Amino acid sequence: MYNYHYNPTDFRNAQPDTGFIANLTKAINGEYSAVTCYEQIARKAPTAEFRNIIMEIRDDELRHFHTFSRLYTSMTGTHPQPKITEPCPQTYRGGLEFGVKDEQNTVDFYRDIAESVQDPTIKNAFDLASRDEQHHAVWFLYLLTKTG
């Protein structure tokens, strides 16, 4: 949906930090959960337009997932083992409401991470992901206003 210019594989200078790795793991799991949930929500969308919006959001989440996973691998030497940490609501409207809350909470979480790191590449990756999450929250709000 948004094309920001950064190289998500350039984490060579990143230093492992236990607190950061825990937050990175949480971010990976959150993105993995979002990708899975948004696919389910998209299938329930009442129109092709709404389905496309949700799938564009899902594609952004997948990009974040890959970026954070590459960072995790470069810092730990192992691949992350993502897991779904939040169940996806069963209804379309419930999924949209979930999306708004989840995206907005993630904005704050990613901003906090961006502010806590020194590495400019990592800082940029989380800052840009935070901006995406804010856009996603607005899109989910838009879809909620269009849903009866």
C-alpha atoms as a PDB file:
ATOM      1  CA  MET A   1       0.000   0.000   0.000  1.00  0.00           C
ATOM      2  CA  TYR A   2       2.856   2.365   0.865  1.00  0.00           C
ATOM      3  CA  ASN A   3       6.298   2.178  -0.661  1.00  0.00           C
ATOM      4  CA  TYR A   4       8.908   3.483   1.741  1.00  0.00           C
ATOM      5  CA  HIS A   5      12.538   3.453   0.734  1.00  0.00           C
ATOM      6  CA  TYR A   6      14.743   1.528   3.105  1.00  0.00           C
ATOM      7  CA  ASN A   7      16.779  -1.599   2.889  1.00  0.00           C
ATOM      8  CA  PRO A   8      15.250  -4.062   5.349  1.00  0.00           C
ATOM      9  CA  THR A   9      18.169  -6.457   5.008  1.00  0.00           C
ATOM     10  CA  ASP A  10      20.848  -3.965   6.077  1.00  0.00           C
ATOM     11  CA  PHE A  11      21.079  -4.857   9.765  1.00  0.00           C
ATOM     12  CA  ARG A  12      24.765  -5.751   9.838  1.00  0.00           C
ATOM     13  CA  ASN A  13      25.627  -3.354  12.677  1.00  0.00           C
ATOM     14  CA  ALA A  14      22.724  -4.415  14.904  1.00  0.00           C
ATOM     15  CA  GLN A  15      23.740  -5.635  18.344  1.00  0.00           C
ATOM     16  CA  PRO A  16      21.634  -8.260  20.163  1.00  0.00           C
ATOM     17  CA  ASP A  17      19.875  -6.975  23.271  1.00  0.00           C
ATOM     18  CA  THR A  18      17.599  -9.234  25.313  1.00  0.00           C
ATOM     19  CA  GLY A  19      14.884  -6.602  25.803  1.00  0.00           C
ATOM     20  CA  PHE A  20      14.965  -5.638  22.156  1.00  0.00           C
ATOM     21  CA  ILE A  21      14.839  -9.286  21.038  1.00  0.00           C
ATOM     22  CA  ALA A  22      11.767  -9.794  23.245  1.00  0.00           C
ATOM     23  CA  ASN A  23      10.077  -6.776  21.646  1.00  0.00           C
ATOM     24  CA  LEU A  24      11.131  -7.929  18.200  1.00  0.00           C
ATOM     25  CA  THR A  25       9.637 -11.358  18.882  1.00  0.00           C
ATOM     26  CA  LYS A  26       6.410  -9.685  20.006  1.00  0.00           C
ATOM     27  CA  ALA A  27       6.394  -7.606  16.798  1.00  0.00           C
ATOM     28  CA  ILE A  28       6.961 -10.699  14.639  1.00  0.00           C
ATOM     29  CA  ASN A  29       4.152 -12.573  16.372  1.00  0.00           C
ATOM     30  CA  GLY A  30       1.866  -9.555  16.063  1.00  0.00           C
ATOM     31  CA  GLU A  31       2.537  -9.219  12.355  1.00  0.00           C
ATOM     32  CA  TYR A  32       2.065 -12.959  11.830  1.00  0.00           C
ATOM     33  CA  SER A  33      -1.228 -12.835  13.730  1.00  0.00           C
ATOM     34  CA  ALA A  34      -2.367  -9.795  11.729  1.00  0.00           C
ATOM     35  CA  VAL A  35      -1.554 -11.399   8.370  1.00  0.00           C
ATOM     36  CA  THR A  36      -3.546 -14.487   9.299  1.00  0.00           C
ATOM     37  CA  CYS A  37      -6.490 -12.546  10.717  1.00  0.00           C
ATOM     38  CA  TYR A  38      -6.718 -10.007   7.914  1.00  0.00           C
ATOM     39  CA  GLU A  39      -6.878 -12.800   5.340  1.00  0.00           C
ATOM     40  CA  GLN A  40      -9.879 -14.169   7.219  1.00  0.00           C
ATOM     41  CA  ILE A  41     -11.522 -10.747   7.473  1.00  0.00           C
ATOM     42  CA  ALA A  42     -10.949 -10.077   3.765  1.00  0.00           C
ATOM     43  CA  ARG A  43     -12.805 -13.257   2.837  1.00  0.00           C
ATOM     44  CA  LYS A  44     -15.850 -11.915   4.709  1.00  0.00           C
ATOM     45  CA  ALA A  45     -15.768  -8.443   3.147  1.00  0.00           C
ATOM     46  CA  PRO A  46     -19.060  -7.466   1.505  1.00  0.00           C
ATOM     47  CA  THR A  47     -17.463  -5.940  -1.614  1.00  0.00           C
ATOM     48  CA  ALA A  48     -14.398  -6.406  -3.786  1.00  0.00           C
ATOM     49  CA  GLU A  49     -13.307  -2.844  -2.943  1.00  0.00           C
ATOM     50  CA  PHE A  50     -13.338  -3.572   0.795  1.00  0.00           C
ATOM     51  CA  ARG A  51     -11.622  -6.923   0.258  1.00  0.00           C
ATOM     52  CA  ASN A  52      -8.863  -5.201  -1.746  1.00  0.00           C
ATOM     53  CA  ILE A  53      -8.299  -2.589   0.968  1.00  0.00           C
ATOM     54  CA  ILE A  54      -7.941  -5.288   3.614  1.00  0.00           C
ATOM     55  CA  MET A  55      -5.611  -7.336   1.407  1.00  0.00           C
ATOM     56  CA  GLU A  56      -3.413  -4.275   0.823  1.00  0.00           C
ATOM     57  CA  ILE A  57      -3.176  -3.864   4.593  1.00  0.00           C
ATOM     58  CA  ARG A  58      -2.368  -7.567   4.879  1.00  0.00           C
ATOM     59  CA  ASP A  59       0.392  -7.158   2.283  1.00  0.00           C
ATOM     60  CA  ASP A  60       1.944  -4.344   4.342  1.00  0.00           C
ATOM     61  CA  GLU A  61       1.793  -6.553   7.431  1.00  0.00           C
ATOM     62  CA  LEU A  62       3.485  -9.351   5.525  1.00  0.00           C
ATOM     63  CA  ARG A  63       6.259  -6.942   4.489  1.00  0.00           C
ATOM     64  CA  HIS A  64       6.724  -5.912   8.134  1.00  0.00           C
ATOM     65  CA  PHE A  65       6.785  -9.575   9.148  1.00  0.00           C
ATOM     66  CA  HIS A  66       9.555 -10.308   6.636  1.00  0.00           C
ATOM     67  CA  THR A  67      11.555  -7.226   7.615  1.00  0.00           C
ATOM     68  CA  PHE A  68      11.381  -8.036  11.317  1.00  0.00           C
ATOM     69  CA  SER A  69      12.113 -11.711  10.689  1.00  0.00           C
ATOM     70  CA  ARG A  70      15.273 -10.842   8.720  1.00  0.00           C
ATOM     71  CA  LEU A  71      16.341  -8.546  11.540  1.00  0.00           C
ATOM     72  CA  TYR A  72      15.721 -11.298  14.098  1.00  0.00           C
ATOM     73  CA  THR A  73      17.732 -13.799  12.060  1.00  0.00           C
ATOM     74  CA  SER A  74      20.619 -11.379  11.577  1.00  0.00           C
ATOM     75  CA  MET A  75      20.748 -10.599  15.300  1.00  0.00           C
ATOM     76  CA  THR A  76      20.233 -14.082  16.742  1.00  0.00           C
ATOM     77  CA  GLY A  77      21.523 -16.392  14.019  1.00  0.00           C
ATOM     78  CA  THR A  78      18.241 -18.329  14.143  1.00  0.00           C
ATOM     79  CA  HIS A  79      14.938 -18.017  12.358  1.00  0.00           C
ATOM     80  CA  PRO A  80      11.948 -16.824  14.376  1.00  0.00           C
ATOM     81  CA  GLN A  81       9.212 -19.307  15.201  1.00  0.00           C
ATOM     82  CA  PRO A  82       6.132 -17.098  14.785  1.00  0.00           C
ATOM     83  CA  LYS A  83       2.893 -17.924  16.507  1.00  0.00           C
ATOM     84  CA  ILE A  84      -0.580 -16.485  16.604  1.00  0.00           C
ATOM     85  CA  THR A  85      -0.886 -14.558  19.842  1.00  0.00           C
ATOM     86  CA  GLU A  86      -4.371 -13.113  19.443  1.00  0.00           C
ATOM     87  CA  PRO A  87      -7.484 -14.892  18.163  1.00  0.00           C
ATOM     88  CA  CYS A  88      -9.200 -13.353  15.174  1.00  0.00           C
ATOM     89  CA  PRO A  89     -12.845 -12.339  15.647  1.00  0.00           C
ATOM     90  CA  GLN A  90     -15.291 -14.501  13.738  1.00  0.00           C
ATOM     91  CA  THR A  91     -17.401 -11.674  12.280  1.00  0.00           C
ATOM     92  CA  TYR A  92     -16.477  -9.112   9.659  1.00  0.00           C
ATOM     93  CA  ARG A  93     -17.445  -6.168  11.868  1.00  0.00           C
ATOM     94  CA  GLY A  94     -15.649  -7.701  14.848  1.00  0.00           C
ATOM     95  CA  GLY A  95     -12.583  -8.106  12.676  1.00  0.00           C
ATOM     96  CA  LEU A  96     -12.672  -4.448  11.654  1.00  0.00           C
ATOM     97  CA  GLU A  97     -13.012  -3.347  15.269  1.00  0.00           C
ATOM     98  CA  PHE A  98     -10.143  -5.635  16.206  1.00  0.00           C
ATOM     99  CA  GLY A  99      -8.090  -4.168  13.354  1.00  0.00           C
ATOM    100  CA  VAL A 100      -8.578  -0.578  14.510  1.00  0.00           C
ATOM    101  CA  LYS A 101      -7.536  -1.366  18.085  1.00  0.00           C
ATOM    102  CA  ASP A 102      -4.660  -3.636  17.116  1.00  0.00           C
ATOM    103  CA  GLU A 103      -3.220  -1.221  14.583  1.00  0.00           C
ATOM    104  CA  GLN A 104      -3.446   1.757  16.925  1.00  0.00           C
ATOM    105  CA  ASN A 105      -1.789  -0.151  19.773  1.00  0.00           C
ATOM    106  CA  THR A 106       0.923  -1.261  17.391  1.00  0.00           C
ATOM    107  CA  VAL A 107       1.606   2.347  16.340  1.00  0.00           C
ATOM    108  CA  ASP A 108       2.555   3.191  19.909  1.00  0.00           C
ATOM    109  CA  PHE A 109       4.543  -0.016  20.404  1.00  0.00           C
ATOM    110  CA  TYR A 110       6.608   0.560  17.242  1.00  0.00           C
ATOM    111  CA  ARG A 111       7.190   4.225  18.057  1.00  0.00           C
ATOM    112  CA  ASP A 112       8.488   3.224  21.482  1.00  0.00           C
ATOM    113  CA  ILE A 113      10.840   0.706  19.894  1.00  0.00           C
ATOM    114  CA  ALA A 114      12.055   3.244  17.314  1.00  0.00           C
ATOM    115  CA  GLU A 115      12.786   5.745  20.070  1.00  0.00           C
ATOM    116  CA  SER A 116      14.660   3.178  22.171  1.00  0.00           C
ATOM    117  CA  VAL A 117      17.215   2.009  19.583  1.00  0.00           C
ATOM    118  CA  GLN A 118      20.347   3.704  18.336  1.00  0.00           C
ATOM    119  CA  ASP A 119      20.840   1.849  15.060  1.00  0.00           C
ATOM    120  CA  PRO A 120      19.433   4.138  12.333  1.00  0.00           C
ATOM    121  CA  THR A 121      18.345   1.272  10.083  1.00  0.00           C
ATOM    122  CA  ILE A 122      16.375  -0.413  12.850  1.00  0.00           C
ATOM    123  CA  LYS A 123      14.982   2.928  14.008  1.00  0.00           C
ATOM    124  CA  ASN A 124      13.851   3.676  10.452  1.00  0.00           C
ATOM    125  CA  ALA A 125      12.291   0.231   9.967  1.00  0.00           C
ATOM    126  CA  PHE A 126      10.129   0.601  13.089  1.00  0.00           C
ATOM    127  CA  ASP A 127       9.313   4.231  12.395  1.00  0.00           C
ATOM    128  CA  LEU A 128       8.099   3.413   8.888  1.00  0.00           C
ATOM    129  CA  ALA A 129       6.157   0.384  10.114  1.00  0.00           C
ATOM    130  CA  SER A 130       4.536   2.636  12.728  1.00  0.00           C
ATOM    131  CA  ARG A 131       3.391   4.997   9.984  1.00  0.00           C
ATOM    132  CA  ASP A 132       1.917   2.085   8.045  1.00  0.00           C
ATOM    133  CA  GLU A 133       0.050   0.934  11.151  1.00  0.00           C
ATOM    134  CA  GLN A 134      -1.474   4.392  11.576  1.00  0.00           C
ATOM    135  CA  HIS A 135      -2.682   4.331   7.964  1.00  0.00           C
ATOM    136  CA  HIS A 136      -4.134   0.868   8.538  1.00  0.00           C
ATOM    137  CA  ALA A 137      -6.090   2.061  11.575  1.00  0.00           C
ATOM    138  CA  VAL A 138      -7.608   4.853   9.480  1.00  0.00           C
ATOM    139  CA  TRP A 139      -8.552   2.389   6.733  1.00  0.00           C
ATOM    140  CA  PHE A 140     -10.200   0.065   9.222  1.00  0.00           C
ATOM    141  CA  LEU A 141     -12.137   3.015  10.656  1.00  0.00           C
ATOM    142  CA  TYR A 142     -13.239   3.919   7.130  1.00  0.00           C
ATOM    143  CA  LEU A 143     -14.453   0.367   6.546  1.00  0.00           C
ATOM    144  CA  LEU A 144     -16.309   0.432   9.864  1.00  0.00           C
ATOM    145  CA  THR A 145     -18.140   3.594   8.836  1.00  0.00           C
ATOM    146  CA  LYS A 146     -19.214   1.879   5.626  1.00  0.00           C
ATOM    147  CA  THR A 147     -20.413  -1.234   7.429  1.00  0.00           C
ATOM    148  CA  GLY A 148     -23.940  -1.315   8.790  1.00  0.00           C
END
